[in-house]
């Protein structure tokens, strides 16, 4: 069910604690059981701690947006203009969708789709030619989600270890404003 009272706003530095908390929750929900508990805990403590998120929010070119249903946080996205080693991706002005996560209670309610539409609209408005992202090679649900929005597998992988647990992501991309 699409929520009528869903809205998105850009995150500010005061949102660091909220983003830290939902990042840890959503990452754990998504990847629990794919690595050791120790590796998971260390990854969350390193990449989703309040200080790290705050530093990212201080960067005006690091775009965090939070999705709400009413006053409740439902999910968030993070985008940043980055370079990629994949020639198909790197030849365009691109923005990386670094994160798109929806809290469990809001999954299957089209919140992810609304966040993705926001990403694509944002990229078009900012004159990006391409949106790209990394997706875990075994996350079939996520790969299908991205493909529904026209993302293509570049055929290139990269390591994305969680602590000492090796994992591999695939680079996906979508050209913007091109049929």
N, C-alpha and C. Protein backbone atom coordinates (compact mmCIF):
# COMPACT_ATOMS: atom_id res chain seq x y z
N UNK A 1 0.84 -1.19 0.00
CA UNK A 1 0.00 0.00 0.00
C UNK A 1 0.88 1.25 0.00
N UNK A 2 0.63 2.14 -0.90
CA UNK A 2 1.36 3.39 -0.96
C UNK A 2 0.81 4.32 0.11
N UNK A 3 1.70 4.84 0.91
CA UNK A 3 1.29 5.72 2.00
C UNK A 3 1.06 7.13 1.51
N UNK A 4 -0.13 7.66 1.77
CA UNK A 4 -0.47 9.01 1.34
C UNK A 4 0.29 10.07 2.14
N UNK A 5 0.62 9.78 3.39
CA UNK A 5 1.28 10.78 4.23
C UNK A 5 2.79 10.58 4.25
N UNK A 6 3.34 10.05 3.17
CA UNK A 6 4.78 9.84 3.06
C UNK A 6 5.42 11.12 2.54
N UNK A 7 6.54 11.50 3.15
CA UNK A 7 7.30 12.65 2.67
C UNK A 7 8.78 12.43 2.92
N UNK A 8 9.58 13.18 2.17
CA UNK A 8 11.04 13.06 2.22
C UNK A 8 11.61 14.43 2.48
N UNK A 9 12.64 14.46 3.32
CA UNK A 9 13.35 15.72 3.53
C UNK A 9 14.85 15.44 3.62
N UNK A 10 15.62 16.46 3.29
CA UNK A 10 17.08 16.34 3.39
C UNK A 10 17.45 16.26 4.87
N UNK A 11 18.36 15.36 5.17
CA UNK A 11 18.84 15.22 6.54
C UNK A 11 19.78 16.38 6.89
N UNK A 12 19.78 16.74 8.16
CA UNK A 12 20.67 17.78 8.69
C UNK A 12 21.54 17.14 9.77
N UNK A 13 22.54 17.89 10.22
CA UNK A 13 23.48 17.35 11.21
C UNK A 13 22.78 16.83 12.46
N UNK A 14 21.67 17.46 12.84
CA UNK A 14 20.93 17.00 14.03
C UNK A 14 20.30 15.62 13.83
N UNK A 15 20.29 15.12 12.61
CA UNK A 15 19.75 13.79 12.31
C UNK A 15 20.79 12.68 12.44
N UNK A 16 22.01 13.02 12.82
CA UNK A 16 23.08 12.02 12.86
C UNK A 16 22.73 10.82 13.74
N UNK A 17 22.18 11.07 14.91
CA UNK A 17 21.84 9.95 15.81
C UNK A 17 20.74 9.08 15.19
N UNK A 18 19.72 9.70 14.66
CA UNK A 18 18.62 8.96 14.03
C UNK A 18 19.15 8.12 12.87
N UNK A 19 19.96 8.72 12.00
CA UNK A 19 20.50 7.98 10.86
C UNK A 19 21.44 6.87 11.31
N UNK A 20 22.21 7.11 12.34
CA UNK A 20 23.08 6.07 12.88
C UNK A 20 22.25 4.87 13.34
N UNK A 21 21.19 5.15 14.06
CA UNK A 21 20.33 4.07 14.58
C UNK A 21 19.65 3.29 13.46
N UNK A 22 19.04 3.99 12.52
CA UNK A 22 18.32 3.25 11.46
C UNK A 22 19.30 2.57 10.50
N UNK A 23 20.48 3.14 10.34
CA UNK A 23 21.49 2.47 9.51
C UNK A 23 21.88 1.13 10.11
N UNK A 24 22.14 1.12 11.41
CA UNK A 24 22.49 -0.13 12.08
C UNK A 24 21.37 -1.16 12.01
N UNK A 25 20.16 -0.71 12.24
CA UNK A 25 18.99 -1.61 12.22
C UNK A 25 18.79 -2.20 10.82
N UNK A 26 18.77 -1.35 9.82
CA UNK A 26 18.47 -1.83 8.47
C UNK A 26 19.61 -2.67 7.90
N UNK A 27 20.85 -2.30 8.20
CA UNK A 27 21.98 -3.09 7.71
C UNK A 27 21.96 -4.47 8.35
N UNK A 28 21.73 -4.52 9.65
CA UNK A 28 21.66 -5.81 10.35
C UNK A 28 20.51 -6.65 9.82
N UNK A 29 19.33 -6.04 9.63
CA UNK A 29 18.19 -6.78 9.09
C UNK A 29 18.49 -7.35 7.70
N UNK A 30 19.22 -6.60 6.90
CA UNK A 30 19.51 -7.02 5.53
C UNK A 30 20.60 -8.09 5.46
N UNK A 31 21.62 -7.97 6.29
CA UNK A 31 22.80 -8.82 6.13
C UNK A 31 23.07 -9.79 7.29
N UNK A 32 22.16 -9.85 8.25
CA UNK A 32 22.34 -10.79 9.37
C UNK A 32 22.48 -12.22 8.83
N UNK A 33 23.45 -12.93 9.35
CA UNK A 33 23.68 -14.30 8.93
C UNK A 33 24.63 -14.44 7.75
N UNK A 34 25.08 -13.32 7.18
CA UNK A 34 26.01 -13.39 6.06
C UNK A 34 27.46 -13.28 6.51
N UNK A 35 27.65 -13.02 7.80
CA UNK A 35 29.00 -12.90 8.36
C UNK A 35 28.89 -13.23 9.85
N UNK A 36 30.01 -13.21 10.53
CA UNK A 36 29.99 -13.48 11.97
C UNK A 36 29.34 -12.31 12.71
N UNK A 37 28.82 -12.59 13.88
CA UNK A 37 28.24 -11.52 14.69
C UNK A 37 29.29 -10.46 15.02
N UNK A 38 30.52 -10.90 15.26
CA UNK A 38 31.60 -9.97 15.58
C UNK A 38 31.90 -9.05 14.40
N UNK A 39 31.95 -9.62 13.19
CA UNK A 39 32.19 -8.80 12.00
C UNK A 39 31.05 -7.80 11.78
N UNK A 40 29.82 -8.26 11.98
CA UNK A 40 28.66 -7.38 11.82
C UNK A 40 28.73 -6.23 12.82
N UNK A 41 28.97 -6.55 14.06
CA UNK A 41 29.04 -5.52 15.10
C UNK A 41 30.14 -4.50 14.78
N UNK A 42 31.31 -4.98 14.37
CA UNK A 42 32.41 -4.08 14.05
C UNK A 42 32.11 -3.19 12.86
N UNK A 43 31.46 -3.74 11.85
CA UNK A 43 31.10 -2.97 10.66
C UNK A 43 30.14 -1.84 11.04
N UNK A 44 29.10 -2.19 11.77
CA UNK A 44 28.10 -1.19 12.18
C UNK A 44 28.74 -0.12 13.05
N UNK A 45 29.60 -0.53 13.99
CA UNK A 45 30.26 0.45 14.87
C UNK A 45 31.20 1.36 14.09
N UNK A 46 31.81 0.85 13.04
CA UNK A 46 32.76 1.65 12.25
C UNK A 46 32.06 2.61 11.29
N UNK A 47 31.09 2.11 10.54
CA UNK A 47 30.52 2.89 9.45
C UNK A 47 29.21 3.61 9.78
N UNK A 48 28.56 3.20 10.86
CA UNK A 48 27.26 3.80 11.17
C UNK A 48 27.24 4.47 12.55
N UNK A 49 28.41 4.75 13.11
CA UNK A 49 28.42 5.43 14.40
C UNK A 49 28.02 6.89 14.20
N UNK A 50 27.57 7.51 15.27
CA UNK A 50 27.04 8.88 15.19
C UNK A 50 28.09 9.85 14.64
N UNK A 51 29.33 9.74 15.10
CA UNK A 51 30.38 10.64 14.63
C UNK A 51 30.64 10.52 13.14
N UNK A 52 30.67 9.29 12.64
CA UNK A 52 30.88 9.07 11.20
C UNK A 52 29.73 9.66 10.39
N UNK A 53 28.51 9.39 10.81
CA UNK A 53 27.35 9.92 10.09
C UNK A 53 27.34 11.45 10.16
N UNK A 54 27.69 12.00 11.31
CA UNK A 54 27.75 13.46 11.45
C UNK A 54 28.74 14.06 10.46
N UNK A 55 29.93 13.44 10.35
CA UNK A 55 30.94 13.95 9.42
C UNK A 55 30.42 13.90 7.99
N UNK A 56 29.71 12.84 7.64
CA UNK A 56 29.13 12.75 6.30
C UNK A 56 28.07 13.84 6.08
N UNK A 57 27.29 14.11 7.11
CA UNK A 57 26.26 15.15 7.00
C UNK A 57 26.86 16.55 6.89
N UNK A 58 28.07 16.73 7.38
CA UNK A 58 28.74 18.03 7.27
C UNK A 58 29.14 18.34 5.83
N UNK A 59 29.28 17.32 5.01
CA UNK A 59 29.67 17.48 3.61
C UNK A 59 28.43 17.82 2.79
N UNK A 60 28.37 19.03 2.27
CA UNK A 60 27.18 19.47 1.52
C UNK A 60 26.98 18.67 0.23
N UNK A 61 27.99 17.94 -0.21
CA UNK A 61 27.88 17.10 -1.40
C UNK A 61 27.61 15.64 -1.08
N UNK A 62 27.33 15.37 0.16
CA UNK A 62 26.93 14.02 0.61
C UNK A 62 25.45 14.14 0.93
N UNK A 63 24.62 13.57 0.09
CA UNK A 63 23.18 13.82 0.14
C UNK A 63 22.44 12.70 0.88
N UNK A 64 22.04 12.99 2.09
CA UNK A 64 21.19 12.10 2.87
C UNK A 64 19.77 12.65 2.82
N UNK A 65 18.82 11.79 2.59
CA UNK A 65 17.41 12.15 2.66
C UNK A 65 16.69 11.08 3.48
N UNK A 66 15.77 11.52 4.30
CA UNK A 66 15.01 10.62 5.17
C UNK A 66 13.56 10.60 4.72
N UNK A 67 13.00 9.41 4.64
CA UNK A 67 11.60 9.24 4.30
C UNK A 67 10.78 9.01 5.55
N UNK A 68 9.65 9.68 5.64
CA UNK A 68 8.79 9.58 6.81
C UNK A 68 7.38 9.18 6.40
N UNK A 69 6.74 8.41 7.24
CA UNK A 69 5.30 8.16 7.15
C UNK A 69 4.72 8.90 8.35
N UNK A 70 4.05 10.00 8.07
CA UNK A 70 3.64 10.86 9.17
C UNK A 70 4.88 11.39 9.85
N UNK A 71 4.97 11.16 11.16
CA UNK A 71 6.15 11.58 11.92
C UNK A 71 7.15 10.46 12.13
N UNK A 72 6.85 9.27 11.63
CA UNK A 72 7.72 8.12 11.85
C UNK A 72 8.72 7.95 10.71
N UNK A 73 9.97 7.69 11.08
CA UNK A 73 10.99 7.40 10.08
C UNK A 73 10.70 6.06 9.44
N UNK A 74 10.70 6.04 8.10
CA UNK A 74 10.42 4.80 7.37
C UNK A 74 11.66 4.27 6.65
N UNK A 75 12.58 5.15 6.28
CA UNK A 75 13.78 4.73 5.57
C UNK A 75 14.62 5.93 5.20
N UNK A 76 15.69 5.67 4.47
CA UNK A 76 16.55 6.77 4.06
C UNK A 76 17.36 6.39 2.83
N UNK A 77 17.93 7.42 2.22
CA UNK A 77 18.84 7.24 1.10
C UNK A 77 20.07 8.11 1.33
N UNK A 78 21.16 7.67 0.73
CA UNK A 78 22.39 8.47 0.74
C UNK A 78 22.97 8.41 -0.66
N UNK A 79 23.30 9.58 -1.21
CA UNK A 79 23.89 9.68 -2.54
C UNK A 79 25.11 10.59 -2.48
N UNK A 80 26.07 10.30 -3.33
CA UNK A 80 27.25 11.16 -3.41
C UNK A 80 27.87 11.02 -4.79
N UNK A 81 28.34 12.16 -5.32
CA UNK A 81 29.04 12.12 -6.60
C UNK A 81 30.39 11.46 -6.36
N UNK A 82 30.61 10.35 -7.04
CA UNK A 82 31.84 9.57 -6.86
C UNK A 82 32.30 9.08 -8.22
N UNK A 83 33.53 8.68 -8.29
CA UNK A 83 34.08 8.04 -9.50
C UNK A 83 34.03 6.53 -9.29
N UNK A 84 34.04 5.81 -10.40
CA UNK A 84 33.99 4.36 -10.37
C UNK A 84 35.00 3.84 -11.39
N UNK A 85 35.60 2.71 -11.10
CA UNK A 85 36.61 2.17 -12.01
C UNK A 85 36.03 1.50 -13.25
N UNK A 86 34.71 1.33 -13.30
CA UNK A 86 34.07 0.67 -14.44
C UNK A 86 33.93 1.68 -15.58
N UNK A 87 34.57 1.44 -16.74
CA UNK A 87 34.52 2.42 -17.84
C UNK A 87 33.09 2.79 -18.26
N UNK A 88 32.18 1.83 -18.29
CA UNK A 88 30.80 2.12 -18.68
C UNK A 88 30.17 3.14 -17.75
N UNK A 89 30.54 3.11 -16.49
CA UNK A 89 29.99 4.03 -15.49
C UNK A 89 30.78 5.33 -15.48
N UNK A 90 32.09 5.23 -15.49
CA UNK A 90 32.96 6.38 -15.28
C UNK A 90 32.96 7.37 -16.45
N UNK A 91 32.49 6.97 -17.61
CA UNK A 91 32.49 7.91 -18.73
C UNK A 91 31.35 8.93 -18.65
N UNK A 92 30.47 8.77 -17.67
CA UNK A 92 29.34 9.69 -17.49
C UNK A 92 29.50 10.48 -16.19
N UNK A 93 28.79 11.61 -16.12
CA UNK A 93 28.69 12.33 -14.86
C UNK A 93 27.68 11.54 -14.03
N UNK A 94 28.18 10.88 -12.99
CA UNK A 94 27.31 10.00 -12.23
C UNK A 94 27.27 10.31 -10.75
N UNK A 95 26.21 9.86 -10.14
CA UNK A 95 26.07 9.95 -8.70
C UNK A 95 25.82 8.54 -8.18
N UNK A 96 26.52 8.22 -7.10
CA UNK A 96 26.37 6.88 -6.52
C UNK A 96 25.23 6.89 -5.51
N UNK A 97 24.35 5.93 -5.64
CA UNK A 97 23.36 5.67 -4.60
C UNK A 97 24.06 4.75 -3.61
N UNK A 98 24.57 5.36 -2.56
CA UNK A 98 25.37 4.62 -1.59
C UNK A 98 24.51 3.76 -0.67
N UNK A 99 23.32 4.24 -0.36
CA UNK A 99 22.42 3.49 0.51
C UNK A 99 20.98 3.81 0.17
N UNK A 100 20.18 2.78 0.24
CA UNK A 100 18.72 2.93 0.21
C UNK A 100 18.19 1.83 1.11
N UNK A 101 17.62 2.23 2.22
CA UNK A 101 17.14 1.26 3.20
C UNK A 101 15.76 1.68 3.71
N UNK A 102 14.93 0.68 3.92
CA UNK A 102 13.59 0.86 4.47
C UNK A 102 13.48 0.00 5.72
N UNK A 103 12.98 0.57 6.79
CA UNK A 103 12.78 -0.20 8.02
C UNK A 103 11.77 -1.32 7.78
N UNK A 104 11.97 -2.44 8.45
CA UNK A 104 11.18 -3.64 8.24
C UNK A 104 9.68 -3.42 8.26
N UNK A 105 9.18 -2.65 9.20
CA UNK A 105 7.73 -2.48 9.30
C UNK A 105 7.12 -1.74 8.11
N UNK A 106 7.98 -1.08 7.30
CA UNK A 106 7.48 -0.34 6.14
C UNK A 106 7.80 -1.04 4.81
N UNK A 107 8.44 -2.18 4.88
CA UNK A 107 8.73 -2.90 3.64
C UNK A 107 7.43 -3.45 3.08
N UNK A 108 7.39 -3.63 1.78
CA UNK A 108 6.21 -4.09 1.04
C UNK A 108 5.08 -3.06 1.06
N UNK A 109 5.42 -1.80 1.30
CA UNK A 109 4.43 -0.73 1.28
C UNK A 109 4.80 0.35 0.26
N UNK A 110 5.68 0.01 -0.67
CA UNK A 110 6.09 0.90 -1.76
C UNK A 110 6.95 2.09 -1.30
N UNK A 111 7.46 2.04 -0.07
CA UNK A 111 8.33 3.11 0.42
C UNK A 111 9.64 3.09 -0.36
N UNK A 112 10.20 1.90 -0.58
CA UNK A 112 11.43 1.79 -1.36
C UNK A 112 11.26 2.37 -2.75
N UNK A 113 10.12 2.12 -3.36
CA UNK A 113 9.85 2.66 -4.70
C UNK A 113 9.79 4.19 -4.67
N UNK A 114 9.16 4.74 -3.65
CA UNK A 114 9.09 6.20 -3.53
C UNK A 114 10.48 6.79 -3.33
N UNK A 115 11.31 6.13 -2.51
CA UNK A 115 12.67 6.61 -2.31
C UNK A 115 13.46 6.53 -3.63
N UNK A 116 13.29 5.44 -4.36
CA UNK A 116 14.01 5.29 -5.63
C UNK A 116 13.55 6.34 -6.63
N UNK A 117 12.28 6.61 -6.71
CA UNK A 117 11.80 7.66 -7.62
C UNK A 117 12.40 9.01 -7.24
N UNK A 118 12.53 9.25 -5.95
CA UNK A 118 13.17 10.48 -5.49
C UNK A 118 14.61 10.54 -5.97
N UNK A 119 15.34 9.43 -5.85
CA UNK A 119 16.74 9.36 -6.31
C UNK A 119 16.83 9.71 -7.79
N UNK A 120 15.98 9.09 -8.60
CA UNK A 120 16.03 9.30 -10.05
C UNK A 120 15.65 10.73 -10.42
N UNK A 121 14.65 11.28 -9.74
CA UNK A 121 14.27 12.68 -9.98
C UNK A 121 15.39 13.63 -9.56
N UNK A 122 15.99 13.36 -8.40
CA UNK A 122 17.10 14.17 -7.90
C UNK A 122 18.24 14.18 -8.91
N UNK A 123 18.60 12.99 -9.40
CA UNK A 123 19.70 12.88 -10.35
C UNK A 123 19.39 13.66 -11.63
N UNK A 124 18.18 13.57 -12.11
CA UNK A 124 17.79 14.30 -13.32
C UNK A 124 17.83 15.81 -13.09
N UNK A 125 17.30 16.25 -11.95
CA UNK A 125 17.28 17.68 -11.63
C UNK A 125 18.69 18.25 -11.50
N UNK A 126 19.63 17.45 -11.02
CA UNK A 126 21.01 17.90 -10.82
C UNK A 126 21.88 17.62 -12.05
N UNK A 127 21.23 17.22 -13.13
CA UNK A 127 21.90 16.99 -14.41
C UNK A 127 22.95 15.88 -14.39
N UNK A 128 22.69 14.85 -13.63
CA UNK A 128 23.54 13.66 -13.69
C UNK A 128 23.09 12.83 -14.88
N UNK A 129 24.06 12.17 -15.50
CA UNK A 129 23.77 11.31 -16.64
C UNK A 129 23.45 9.88 -16.19
N UNK A 130 23.87 9.56 -14.98
CA UNK A 130 23.83 8.16 -14.56
C UNK A 130 23.75 8.06 -13.04
N UNK A 131 23.02 7.09 -12.56
CA UNK A 131 23.03 6.70 -11.14
C UNK A 131 23.63 5.31 -11.10
N UNK A 132 24.53 5.09 -10.17
CA UNK A 132 25.15 3.78 -10.04
C UNK A 132 25.17 3.35 -8.58
N UNK A 133 25.34 2.06 -8.35
CA UNK A 133 25.30 1.52 -7.00
C UNK A 133 25.96 0.16 -6.97
N UNK A 134 26.33 -0.26 -5.78
CA UNK A 134 26.82 -1.61 -5.56
C UNK A 134 25.75 -2.41 -4.85
N UNK A 135 25.56 -3.66 -5.27
CA UNK A 135 24.58 -4.53 -4.64
C UNK A 135 25.23 -5.89 -4.39
N UNK A 136 25.01 -6.43 -3.21
CA UNK A 136 25.58 -7.71 -2.84
C UNK A 136 25.14 -8.77 -3.85
N UNK A 137 26.09 -9.55 -4.32
CA UNK A 137 25.81 -10.50 -5.40
C UNK A 137 24.73 -11.52 -5.05
N UNK A 138 24.49 -11.78 -3.76
CA UNK A 138 23.48 -12.77 -3.36
C UNK A 138 22.16 -12.14 -2.91
N UNK A 139 22.03 -10.82 -3.02
CA UNK A 139 20.81 -10.16 -2.60
C UNK A 139 19.85 -10.08 -3.80
N UNK A 140 19.19 -11.19 -4.06
CA UNK A 140 18.31 -11.29 -5.23
C UNK A 140 17.15 -10.30 -5.15
N UNK A 141 16.62 -10.11 -3.96
CA UNK A 141 15.50 -9.17 -3.79
C UNK A 141 15.92 -7.76 -4.21
N UNK A 142 17.10 -7.33 -3.78
CA UNK A 142 17.57 -5.99 -4.13
C UNK A 142 17.86 -5.89 -5.63
N UNK A 143 18.49 -6.91 -6.20
CA UNK A 143 18.79 -6.88 -7.63
C UNK A 143 17.51 -6.76 -8.45
N UNK A 144 16.48 -7.50 -8.08
CA UNK A 144 15.20 -7.40 -8.79
C UNK A 144 14.58 -6.01 -8.64
N UNK A 145 14.68 -5.46 -7.44
CA UNK A 145 14.18 -4.11 -7.19
C UNK A 145 14.86 -3.11 -8.12
N UNK A 146 16.18 -3.13 -8.18
CA UNK A 146 16.91 -2.19 -9.03
C UNK A 146 16.58 -2.40 -10.51
N UNK A 147 16.49 -3.65 -10.92
CA UNK A 147 16.18 -3.94 -12.32
C UNK A 147 14.79 -3.44 -12.71
N UNK A 148 13.84 -3.46 -11.76
CA UNK A 148 12.50 -2.92 -12.05
C UNK A 148 12.56 -1.43 -12.38
N UNK A 149 13.58 -0.76 -11.88
CA UNK A 149 13.74 0.68 -12.14
C UNK A 149 14.70 0.94 -13.29
N UNK A 150 15.07 -0.10 -14.02
CA UNK A 150 15.88 0.07 -15.21
C UNK A 150 17.38 0.01 -14.99
N UNK A 151 17.82 -0.36 -13.80
CA UNK A 151 19.26 -0.51 -13.56
C UNK A 151 19.75 -1.76 -14.27
N UNK A 152 20.99 -1.68 -14.75
CA UNK A 152 21.62 -2.79 -15.45
C UNK A 152 22.86 -3.24 -14.69
N UNK A 153 23.12 -4.52 -14.72
CA UNK A 153 24.34 -5.07 -14.15
C UNK A 153 25.49 -4.71 -15.10
N UNK A 154 26.53 -4.08 -14.60
CA UNK A 154 27.67 -3.70 -15.43
C UNK A 154 28.54 -4.90 -15.79
N UNK A 155 28.32 -6.01 -15.10
CA UNK A 155 29.17 -7.18 -15.30
C UNK A 155 30.45 -7.14 -14.49
N UNK A 156 30.61 -6.11 -13.68
CA UNK A 156 31.82 -5.93 -12.89
C UNK A 156 31.50 -6.08 -11.41
N UNK A 157 32.39 -6.73 -10.70
CA UNK A 157 32.23 -6.92 -9.27
C UNK A 157 33.33 -6.18 -8.52
N UNK A 158 33.13 -6.04 -7.22
CA UNK A 158 34.17 -5.46 -6.36
C UNK A 158 34.00 -6.05 -4.97
N UNK A 159 35.10 -6.16 -4.23
CA UNK A 159 35.00 -6.70 -2.87
C UNK A 159 34.30 -5.72 -1.94
N UNK A 160 33.46 -6.25 -1.07
CA UNK A 160 32.79 -5.47 -0.04
C UNK A 160 32.75 -6.31 1.23
N UNK A 161 33.93 -6.49 1.85
CA UNK A 161 33.97 -7.35 3.03
C UNK A 161 33.25 -6.72 4.21
N UNK A 162 32.64 -7.55 5.00
CA UNK A 162 32.09 -7.12 6.29
C UNK A 162 33.04 -7.68 7.33
N UNK A 163 33.90 -6.81 7.84
CA UNK A 163 34.95 -7.26 8.75
C UNK A 163 35.89 -8.20 8.02
N UNK A 164 36.07 -9.39 8.60
CA UNK A 164 36.93 -10.39 7.99
C UNK A 164 36.18 -11.33 7.06
N UNK A 165 34.88 -11.08 6.88
CA UNK A 165 34.07 -11.94 6.02
C UNK A 165 34.09 -11.39 4.60
N UNK A 166 34.68 -12.13 3.66
CA UNK A 166 34.69 -11.63 2.28
C UNK A 166 33.28 -11.64 1.68
N UNK A 167 32.97 -10.58 0.97
CA UNK A 167 31.70 -10.48 0.25
C UNK A 167 31.98 -9.75 -1.05
N UNK A 168 31.12 -9.95 -2.01
CA UNK A 168 31.31 -9.34 -3.33
C UNK A 168 30.03 -8.61 -3.73
N UNK A 169 30.21 -7.39 -4.20
CA UNK A 169 29.11 -6.60 -4.74
C UNK A 169 29.24 -6.54 -6.26
N UNK A 170 28.11 -6.31 -6.90
CA UNK A 170 28.07 -6.10 -8.35
C UNK A 170 27.74 -4.62 -8.56
N UNK A 171 28.38 -4.00 -9.55
CA UNK A 171 28.08 -2.62 -9.89
C UNK A 171 26.89 -2.59 -10.85
N UNK A 172 25.87 -1.86 -10.47
CA UNK A 172 24.68 -1.64 -11.31
C UNK A 172 24.64 -0.17 -11.68
N UNK A 173 24.01 0.15 -12.81
CA UNK A 173 23.89 1.55 -13.22
C UNK A 173 22.61 1.76 -14.02
N UNK A 174 22.18 3.02 -14.06
CA UNK A 174 21.03 3.42 -14.85
C UNK A 174 21.33 4.77 -15.48
N UNK A 175 21.17 4.85 -16.79
CA UNK A 175 21.30 6.13 -17.48
C UNK A 175 20.05 6.95 -17.21
N UNK A 176 20.23 8.25 -17.01
CA UNK A 176 19.13 9.15 -16.69
C UNK A 176 18.75 9.93 -17.95
N UNK A 177 17.45 10.17 -18.11
CA UNK A 177 16.92 10.95 -19.24
C UNK A 177 17.30 10.38 -20.59
N UNK A 178 17.44 9.07 -20.65
CA UNK A 178 17.71 8.42 -21.93
C UNK A 178 16.73 7.26 -22.07
N UNK A 179 16.16 7.13 -23.21
CA UNK A 179 15.18 6.07 -23.45
C UNK A 179 15.85 4.80 -23.92
